[in-house]
Protein backbone atom coordinates (compact mmCIF):
# COMPACT_ATOMS: atom_id res chain seq x y z
CA MET A 1 36.66 2.25 -31.39
CA PRO A 2 33.84 2.17 -33.97
CA GLU A 3 32.54 -1.03 -32.37
CA THR A 4 32.58 0.61 -28.94
CA SER A 5 30.74 3.65 -30.29
CA ALA A 6 28.12 1.44 -31.90
CA ARG A 7 27.50 -0.36 -28.61
CA SER A 8 27.20 2.96 -26.77
CA ALA A 9 24.68 4.17 -29.32
CA THR A 10 22.50 1.05 -29.09
CA ALA A 11 22.52 0.91 -25.27
CA PRO A 12 19.95 3.72 -24.73
CA ALA A 13 17.71 2.26 -27.45
CA HIS A 14 17.87 -1.17 -25.82
CA ALA A 15 17.07 0.29 -22.39
CA LYS A 16 14.12 2.19 -23.88
CA ASN A 17 12.78 -0.98 -25.50
CA GLU A 18 13.11 -2.88 -22.24
CA LEU A 19 11.25 -0.14 -20.39
CA GLN A 20 8.44 -0.14 -22.94
CA LYS A 21 8.25 -3.92 -22.68
CA ASP A 22 7.99 -3.77 -18.88
CA ILE A 23 5.28 -1.09 -19.03
CA PHE A 24 3.29 -3.14 -21.55
CA ILE A 25 3.54 -6.27 -19.39
CA LEU A 26 2.53 -4.32 -16.28
CA LYS A 27 -0.57 -3.00 -18.05
CA GLN A 28 -1.51 -6.47 -19.21
CA LEU A 29 -1.05 -8.03 -15.77
CA VAL A 30 -3.01 -5.29 -13.99
CA SER A 31 -5.80 -5.63 -16.55
CA LYS A 32 -5.81 -9.40 -16.09
CA ASP A 33 -6.06 -9.13 -12.28
CA PHE A 34 -8.85 -6.58 -12.62
CA LYS A 35 -10.89 -8.84 -14.91
CA ILE A 36 -10.32 -11.90 -12.73
CA LYS A 37 -11.34 -10.10 -9.53
CA TYR A 38 -14.64 -8.80 -10.90
CA ARG A 39 -15.41 -11.51 -13.47
CA ARG A 40 -18.14 -13.27 -11.49
CA SER A 41 -19.10 -10.46 -9.15
CA VAL A 42 -22.70 -9.23 -9.39
CA LEU A 43 -21.81 -5.77 -8.10
CA GLY A 44 -18.50 -5.62 -9.95
CA VAL A 45 -16.39 -2.55 -9.22
CA VAL A 46 -19.20 -1.16 -7.06
CA TRP A 47 -18.05 -3.61 -4.39
CA SER A 48 -14.73 -1.76 -4.16
CA VAL A 49 -16.73 1.30 -3.11
CA LEU A 50 -19.19 -0.53 -0.86
CA ASN A 51 -16.58 -2.57 1.00
CA PRO A 52 -14.81 0.37 2.74
CA LEU A 53 -18.20 1.99 3.41
CA LEU A 54 -19.56 -1.15 5.06
CA MET A 55 -16.37 -1.61 7.07
CA MET A 56 -16.61 2.00 8.22
CA ILE A 57 -20.24 1.52 9.32
CA VAL A 58 -19.42 -1.64 11.29
CA MET A 59 -16.35 -0.15 12.95
CA ALA A 60 -18.14 3.10 13.74
CA ALA A 61 -21.01 1.17 15.34
CA VAL A 62 -18.63 -0.92 17.44
CA PHE A 63 -16.23 1.76 18.62
CA SER A 64 -18.73 4.60 18.90
CA THR A 65 -21.51 2.69 20.66
CA MET A 66 -20.42 -0.61 22.21
CA PHE A 67 -17.15 0.76 23.60
CA VAL A 68 -17.97 4.36 24.35
CA GLY A 69 -14.85 6.33 25.24
CA MET A 70 -12.46 3.64 24.04
CA ARG A 71 -11.21 5.51 21.00
CA GLY A 72 -10.00 8.49 22.99
CA GLN A 73 -10.73 12.21 22.83
CA GLY A 74 -8.56 13.18 19.87
CA VAL A 75 -11.25 12.99 17.16
CA PRO A 76 -14.57 14.92 17.12
CA GLN A 77 -17.63 12.66 17.07
CA GLN A 78 -18.82 13.92 13.67
CA LEU A 79 -15.43 13.25 12.07
CA TYR A 80 -14.96 9.76 13.48
CA PRO A 81 -16.48 7.88 10.47
CA LEU A 82 -14.16 9.77 8.12
CA TYR A 83 -11.26 9.07 10.50
CA LEU A 84 -12.10 5.35 10.33
CA ILE A 85 -12.46 5.04 6.58
CA LEU A 86 -9.24 6.94 5.84
CA GLY A 87 -7.26 4.75 8.21
CA ASN A 88 -8.90 1.59 6.91
CA ILE A 89 -8.34 2.17 3.18
CA THR A 90 -4.73 3.24 3.77
CA PHE A 91 -3.87 0.16 5.80
CA SER A 92 -5.82 -2.07 3.40
CA PHE A 93 -3.76 -0.71 0.52
CA MET A 94 -0.56 -1.79 2.24
CA SER A 95 -1.98 -5.09 3.48
CA ASP A 96 -3.54 -6.16 0.17
CA SER A 97 -0.60 -5.13 -2.03
CA THR A 98 2.10 -6.75 0.09
CA THR A 99 0.07 -9.93 0.68
CA GLN A 100 -0.48 -10.31 -3.06
CA ALA A 101 3.14 -9.41 -3.85
CA LEU A 102 4.71 -12.00 -1.55
CA GLY A 103 3.48 -14.89 -3.68
CA SER A 104 3.78 -13.14 -7.04
CA ILE A 105 7.01 -14.86 -8.10
CA ILE A 106 5.87 -18.35 -7.12
CA TYR A 107 2.47 -18.00 -8.79
CA SER A 108 4.12 -16.71 -11.98
CA SER A 109 6.62 -19.57 -12.17
CA SER A 110 5.20 -20.96 -15.43
CA LEU A 111 5.56 -17.58 -17.13
CA LEU A 112 9.08 -17.03 -15.80
CA LYS A 113 10.17 -20.38 -17.18
CA LYS A 114 8.84 -19.62 -20.67
CA ILE A 115 9.86 -16.04 -21.44
CA LYS A 116 12.62 -13.64 -20.51
CA ILE A 117 11.19 -10.90 -18.33
CA HIS A 118 12.34 -8.64 -15.53
CA ARG A 119 11.22 -10.44 -12.40
CA PHE A 120 10.53 -7.30 -10.38
CA VAL A 121 7.54 -6.67 -12.65
CA PHE A 122 5.43 -9.20 -10.73
CA PRO A 123 5.55 -7.74 -7.19
CA VAL A 124 5.36 -4.19 -8.61
CA GLN A 125 2.28 -5.13 -10.61
CA LYS A 126 0.46 -6.24 -7.45
CA VAL A 127 1.06 -2.81 -5.91
CA LEU A 128 -0.19 -1.06 -9.05
CA PHE A 129 -3.34 -3.16 -8.97
CA ALA A 130 -3.85 -2.09 -5.36
CA VAL A 131 -3.63 1.52 -6.57
CA VAL A 132 -6.62 0.87 -8.85
CA ASN A 133 -8.65 -0.46 -5.92
CA PHE A 134 -7.52 2.46 -3.78
CA GLY A 135 -8.90 4.81 -6.42
CA PHE A 136 -12.34 3.21 -6.04
CA SER A 137 -12.00 3.47 -2.25
CA LEU A 138 -11.52 7.22 -2.59
CA ILE A 139 -15.00 7.37 -4.11
CA ALA A 140 -16.27 5.94 -0.83
CA VAL A 141 -14.33 8.64 1.04
CA ALA A 142 -15.94 11.30 -1.17
CA LEU A 143 -19.39 9.90 -0.37
CA VAL A 144 -18.69 10.05 3.37
CA MET A 145 -17.48 13.64 3.05
CA LEU A 146 -20.63 14.50 1.08
CA TRP A 147 -22.85 12.86 3.70
CA PHE A 148 -21.25 14.81 6.54
CA ARG A 149 -20.99 17.99 4.44
CA ILE A 150 -17.23 18.17 4.64
CA VAL A 151 -15.86 20.31 1.83
CA PRO A 152 -12.33 19.42 0.64
CA THR A 153 -9.75 22.18 0.52
CA TRP A 154 -6.70 22.82 -1.63
CA HIS A 155 -4.68 20.59 0.69
CA VAL A 156 -5.89 17.55 -1.29
CA ILE A 157 -3.15 18.38 -3.82
CA TRP A 158 -0.90 16.50 -1.38
CA LEU A 159 -2.82 13.30 -2.17
CA PRO A 160 -0.66 12.30 -5.20
CA VAL A 161 2.47 12.79 -3.06
CA PHE A 162 0.98 10.55 -0.38
CA LEU A 163 0.06 7.90 -2.94
CA VAL A 164 3.51 7.84 -4.57
CA LEU A 165 5.27 7.52 -1.22
CA LEU A 166 2.95 4.74 -0.05
CA MET A 167 3.37 2.96 -3.40
CA LEU A 168 7.15 3.05 -3.08
CA PHE A 169 6.97 1.75 0.48
CA CYS A 170 4.70 -1.14 -0.55
CA MET A 171 6.84 -1.93 -3.60
CA GLY A 172 9.93 -2.20 -1.43
CA VAL A 173 8.20 -4.42 1.12
CA GLY A 174 6.59 -6.44 -1.67
CA MET A 175 9.88 -7.10 -3.46
CA ALA A 176 11.54 -8.22 -0.23
CA LEU A 177 8.64 -10.53 0.67
CA SER A 178 8.35 -12.01 -2.83
CA ALA A 179 12.06 -12.87 -2.82
CA LEU A 180 12.02 -14.35 0.67
CA THR A 181 8.89 -16.41 -0.07
CA VAL A 182 10.67 -18.18 -2.93
CA PHE A 183 13.17 -19.65 -0.45
CA PHE A 184 11.04 -19.75 2.71
CA ARG A 185 7.39 -20.62 2.03
CA ASP A 186 6.55 -20.09 5.69
CA VAL A 187 6.71 -16.35 5.01
CA MET A 188 3.21 -16.64 3.55
CA HIS A 189 1.82 -17.82 6.89
CA LEU A 190 3.95 -15.54 9.04
CA TRP A 191 3.02 -12.43 7.09
CA SER A 192 -0.70 -12.87 7.85
CA VAL A 193 0.18 -12.86 11.56
CA VAL A 194 2.40 -9.80 11.13
CA ILE A 195 -0.35 -7.95 9.26
CA THR A 196 -2.88 -8.69 12.00
CA ALA A 197 -0.55 -7.44 14.75
CA TRP A 198 0.43 -4.44 12.61
CA MET A 199 -3.24 -3.49 12.13
CA TYR A 200 -3.86 -3.27 15.88
CA PHE A 201 -0.59 -1.37 16.30
CA THR A 202 -1.77 1.26 13.81
CA PRO A 203 -4.25 4.02 14.80
CA ILE A 204 -7.11 2.94 12.55
CA PHE A 205 -9.94 2.98 15.10
CA TRP A 206 -7.99 4.34 18.07
CA THR A 207 -6.14 7.65 18.46
CA ILE A 208 -2.64 8.43 19.65
CA ASP A 209 -3.95 10.11 22.80
CA MET A 210 -4.98 6.66 24.04
CA VAL A 211 -1.32 5.70 24.61
CA GLN A 212 -0.30 8.90 26.36
CA ALA A 213 -0.59 7.18 29.72
CA MET A 214 1.66 4.34 28.60
CA PRO A 215 5.45 4.22 29.01
CA HIS A 216 7.40 6.59 26.77
CA ILE A 217 9.03 3.73 24.89
CA VAL A 218 5.59 2.47 23.80
CA GLN A 219 4.68 5.91 22.49
CA VAL A 220 7.95 6.06 20.56
CA LEU A 221 7.36 2.63 19.02
CA VAL A 222 3.82 3.55 17.99
CA LYS A 223 4.99 6.74 16.29
CA ALA A 224 7.87 4.85 14.64
CA ASN A 225 5.33 2.57 12.97
CA PRO A 226 5.53 3.36 9.21
CA MET A 227 1.77 3.10 8.78
CA TYR A 228 1.27 5.63 11.57
CA ALA A 229 3.00 8.19 9.35
CA TYR A 230 0.99 7.29 6.25
CA VAL A 231 -2.45 7.30 7.92
CA THR A 232 -1.56 10.59 9.61
CA PHE A 233 -0.55 12.04 6.23
CA ILE A 234 -3.86 11.26 4.51
CA ARG A 235 -5.93 12.33 7.51
CA ASP A 236 -4.10 15.64 7.68
CA VAL A 237 -4.79 16.57 4.06
CA ILE A 238 -8.38 15.25 3.82
CA MET A 239 -9.92 15.28 7.30
CA TYR A 240 -8.01 17.98 9.15
CA GLN A 241 -7.54 19.97 5.91
CA THR A 242 -3.96 20.96 6.55
CA SER A 243 -0.57 20.23 5.06
CA PRO A 244 1.35 17.31 6.59
CA SER A 245 3.87 18.32 9.20
CA ALA A 246 7.57 18.24 8.35
CA ILE A 247 8.02 15.24 10.68
CA VAL A 248 5.21 13.24 9.05
CA LEU A 249 6.41 14.08 5.53
CA ALA A 250 10.01 13.22 6.40
CA SER A 251 8.88 9.93 7.98
CA CYS A 252 6.90 8.94 4.87
CA VAL A 253 9.80 9.81 2.56
CA GLY A 254 12.27 8.02 4.82
CA TRP A 255 10.23 4.82 5.10
CA ALA A 256 9.64 4.77 1.34
CA ALA A 257 13.35 5.20 0.64
CA VAL A 258 14.40 2.55 3.19
CA ALA A 259 11.81 0.05 1.99
CA MET A 260 12.80 0.50 -1.66
CA ALA A 261 16.52 0.27 -0.92
CA VAL A 262 16.24 -2.82 1.27
CA GLY A 263 13.57 -4.48 -0.87
CA TYR A 264 15.45 -3.98 -4.12
CA ALA A 265 18.73 -5.12 -2.56
CA ILE A 266 17.20 -8.37 -1.33
CA PHE A 267 15.38 -8.96 -4.61
CA HIS A 268 18.35 -8.16 -6.84
CA LYS A 269 20.74 -10.30 -4.81
CA THR A 270 18.53 -13.39 -4.90
CA GLU A 271 16.57 -13.23 -8.17
CA HIS A 272 19.13 -15.23 -10.16
CA LYS A 273 18.34 -18.23 -7.93
CA PHE A 274 14.54 -18.03 -8.30
CA ILE A 275 14.43 -20.47 -11.18
CA LEU A 276 16.00 -23.16 -8.99
CA TYR A 277 13.28 -22.94 -6.32
CA ILE A 278 10.04 -22.21 -8.20
């Protein structure tokens, strides 16, 4: 009995130490990625602000001028640049984080072979690094709002909720991809194709009214797209200055929960075999 009590007493302390260790490693890995990304860049972190702005300018020029009427009638002309940049940074967050996460276990093989560490730290760290870049992208959004004299409202308090839900979704997808890539290296090549198709299937430069004339099943599939819910969420709270609808909020929560459950299940079931394949 005393031995059992002693083990019960040390269990919470051990779990706390493990958590602190994971947090420390996450901070170090995020810091390392940040330094590597901007080490030889002349503009440094400024590029993280300029990139979404430049992409917005190019896309606005193409879809507002070269293909007049293509984007549909759902977005006022003066709000279209903001519509573009919000959709672009949201999808880029998902694309960049999951693409980096899928190879995180393989690229960290030397570290995994040397020290004992929770393996989920590596795909999660890639998502956290994407959060840092997303923060810089929001500066670009603020500049666009300033340029077009769009004043934010109290609805921006929903932004942390949006970010947490999108993070959880990306972490789930990232864990699943990182585990699958260990056993099937072709996932790296296939995912780039999936991301490209997914981008065109998401209303980044087009609006949902453009598919109204299409069969009902197509409309259902478009609205069932997880990224449709997330880009709608951020546009509601920043551009349309309203709270997300119950359907959009429920969709974001649901996709985050499903992604985390499935991603963790795949990762947890296969992680003990990683060392044999990396």
